Amino acid sequence: ANVITITLTIKSLRYIWHSFKVWKFTLAQ
């Protein structure tokens, strides 16, 4: 795989992880 693909994958995973944390935080309210 090339660097661009790896970078986009990492950014996507970080975005998903961030969204998941926000979702859990919202449920905890």
PDB file of N, CA and C in Angstrom:
ATOM      1  N   ALA A   1       0.853  -1.200   0.000  1.00  0.00           N
ATOM      2  CA  ALA A   1       0.000   0.000   0.000  1.00  0.00           C
ATOM      3  C   ALA A   1       0.885   1.245   0.000  1.00  0.00           C
ATOM      4  N   ASN A   2       0.341   2.323  -0.543  1.00  0.00           N
ATOM      5  CA  ASN A   2       1.135   3.553  -0.590  1.00  0.00           C
ATOM      6  C   ASN A   2       0.863   4.418   0.639  1.00  0.00           C
ATOM      7  N   VAL A   3       1.672   5.451   0.798  1.00  0.00           N
ATOM      8  CA  VAL A   3       1.602   6.293   1.996  1.00  0.00           C
ATOM      9  C   VAL A   3       0.256   6.999   2.105  1.00  0.00           C
ATOM     10  N   ILE A   4      -0.286   7.459   0.979  1.00  0.00           N
ATOM     11  CA  ILE A   4      -1.555   8.192   1.009  1.00  0.00           C
ATOM     12  C   ILE A   4      -2.669   7.304   1.559  1.00  0.00           C
ATOM     13  N   THR A   5      -2.713   6.062   1.094  1.00  0.00           N
ATOM     14  CA  THR A   5      -3.756   5.147   1.562  1.00  0.00           C
ATOM     15  C   THR A   5      -3.636   4.906   3.057  1.00  0.00           C
ATOM     16  N   ILE A   6      -2.406   4.698   3.522  1.00  0.00           N
ATOM     17  CA  ILE A   6      -2.182   4.465   4.952  1.00  0.00           C
ATOM     18  C   ILE A   6      -2.600   5.688   5.761  1.00  0.00           C
ATOM     19  N   THR A   7      -2.231   6.869   5.294  1.00  0.00           N
ATOM     20  CA  THR A   7      -2.575   8.093   6.008  1.00  0.00           C
ATOM     21  C   THR A   7      -4.079   8.270   6.104  1.00  0.00           C
ATOM     22  N   LEU A   8      -4.781   8.053   4.990  1.00  0.00           N
ATOM     23  CA  LEU A   8      -6.234   8.205   4.998  1.00  0.00           C
ATOM     24  C   LEU A   8      -6.884   7.177   5.915  1.00  0.00           C
ATOM     25  N   THR A   9      -6.348   5.970   5.932  1.00  0.00           N
ATOM     26  CA  THR A   9      -6.903   4.931   6.801  1.00  0.00           C
ATOM     27  C   THR A   9      -6.743   5.316   8.263  1.00  0.00           C
ATOM     28  N   ILE A  10      -5.564   5.814   8.623  1.00  0.00           N
ATOM     29  CA  ILE A  10      -5.320   6.225  10.006  1.00  0.00           C
ATOM     30  C   ILE A  10      -6.248   7.372  10.386  1.00  0.00           C
ATOM     31  N   LYS A  11      -6.404   8.347   9.495  1.00  0.00           N
ATOM     32  CA  LYS A  11      -7.293   9.471   9.789  1.00  0.00           C
ATOM     33  C   LYS A  11      -8.723   8.993   9.967  1.00  0.00           C
ATOM     34  N   SER A  12      -9.145   8.052   9.135  1.00  0.00           N
ATOM     35  CA  SER A  12     -10.509   7.530   9.232  1.00  0.00           C
ATOM     36  C   SER A  12     -10.716   6.810  10.559  1.00  0.00           C
ATOM     37  N   LEU A  13      -9.726   5.993  10.942  1.00  0.00           N
ATOM     38  CA  LEU A  13      -9.844   5.258  12.199  1.00  0.00           C
ATOM     39  C   LEU A  13      -9.871   6.210  13.386  1.00  0.00           C
ATOM     40  N   ARG A  14      -9.062   7.260  13.336  1.00  0.00           N
ATOM     41  CA  ARG A  14      -9.050   8.239  14.427  1.00  0.00           C
ATOM     42  C   ARG A  14     -10.391   8.957  14.505  1.00  0.00           C
ATOM     43  N   TYR A  15     -10.968   9.273  13.340  1.00  0.00           N
ATOM     44  CA  TYR A  15     -12.266   9.951  13.313  1.00  0.00           C
ATOM     45  C   TYR A  15     -13.351   9.051  13.902  1.00  0.00           C
ATOM     46  N   ILE A  16     -13.315   7.759  13.520  1.00  0.00           N
ATOM     47  CA  ILE A  16     -14.303   6.808  14.041  1.00  0.00           C
ATOM     48  C   ILE A  16     -14.140   6.659  15.552  1.00  0.00           C
ATOM     49  N   TRP A  17     -12.892   6.545  16.018  1.00  0.00           N
ATOM     50  CA  TRP A  17     -12.633   6.403  17.451  1.00  0.00           C
ATOM     51  C   TRP A  17     -13.125   7.629  18.204  1.00  0.00           C
ATOM     52  N   HIS A  18     -12.895   8.831  17.659  1.00  0.00           N
ATOM     53  CA  HIS A  18     -13.347  10.061  18.295  1.00  0.00           C
ATOM     54  C   HIS A  18     -14.868  10.086  18.370  1.00  0.00           C
ATOM     55  N   SER A  19     -15.527   9.698  17.279  1.00  0.00           N
ATOM     56  CA  SER A  19     -16.986   9.684  17.245  1.00  0.00           C
ATOM     57  C   SER A  19     -17.532   8.706  18.282  1.00  0.00           C
ATOM     58  N   PHE A  20     -16.851   7.555  18.411  1.00  0.00           N
ATOM     59  CA  PHE A  20     -17.275   6.550  19.378  1.00  0.00           C
ATOM     60  C   PHE A  20     -17.178   7.083  20.802  1.00  0.00           C
ATOM     61  N   LYS A  21     -16.099   7.786  21.118  1.00  0.00           N
ATOM     62  CA  LYS A  21     -15.932   8.341  22.459  1.00  0.00           C
ATOM     63  C   LYS A  21     -17.002   9.395  22.736  1.00  0.00           C
ATOM     64  N   VAL A  22     -17.298  10.234  21.749  1.00  0.00           N
ATOM     65  CA  VAL A  22     -18.333  11.259  21.916  1.00  0.00           C
ATOM     66  C   VAL A  22     -19.686  10.599  22.151  1.00  0.00           C
ATOM     67  N   TRP A  23     -19.952   9.520  21.395  1.00  0.00           N
ATOM     68  CA  TRP A  23     -21.221   8.805  21.529  1.00  0.00           C
ATOM     69  C   TRP A  23     -21.367   8.208  22.925  1.00  0.00           C
ATOM     70  N   LYS A  24     -20.302   7.576  23.430  1.00  0.00           N
ATOM     71  CA  LYS A  24     -20.348   6.998  24.769  1.00  0.00           C
ATOM     72  C   LYS A  24     -20.530   8.096  25.813  1.00  0.00           C
ATOM     73  N   PHE A  25     -19.846   9.216  25.625  1.00  0.00           N
ATOM     74  CA  PHE A  25     -19.958  10.325  26.571  1.00  0.00           C
ATOM     75  C   PHE A  25     -21.385  10.854  26.599  1.00  0.00           C
ATOM     76  N   THR A  26     -22.016  10.918  25.425  1.00  0.00           N
ATOM     77  CA  THR A  26     -23.393  11.405  25.337  1.00  0.00           C
ATOM     78  C   THR A  26     -24.340  10.460  26.062  1.00  0.00           C
ATOM     79  N   LEU A  27     -24.135   9.158  25.900  1.00  0.00           N
ATOM     80  CA  LEU A  27     -24.990   8.177  26.576  1.00  0.00           C
ATOM     81  C   LEU A  27     -24.828   8.252  28.090  1.00  0.00           C
ATOM     82  N   ALA A  28     -23.640   8.620  28.539  1.00  0.00           N
ATOM     83  CA  ALA A  28     -23.360   8.653  29.973  1.00  0.00           C
ATOM     84  C   ALA A  28     -24.041   9.829  30.667  1.00  0.00           C
ATOM     85  N   GLN A  29     -24.490  10.786  29.917  1.00  0.00           N
ATOM     86  CA  GLN A  29     -25.124  11.964  30.503  1.00  0.00           C
ATOM     87  C   GLN A  29     -26.435  11.608  31.197  1.00  0.00           C
TER      88      GLN A  29
END
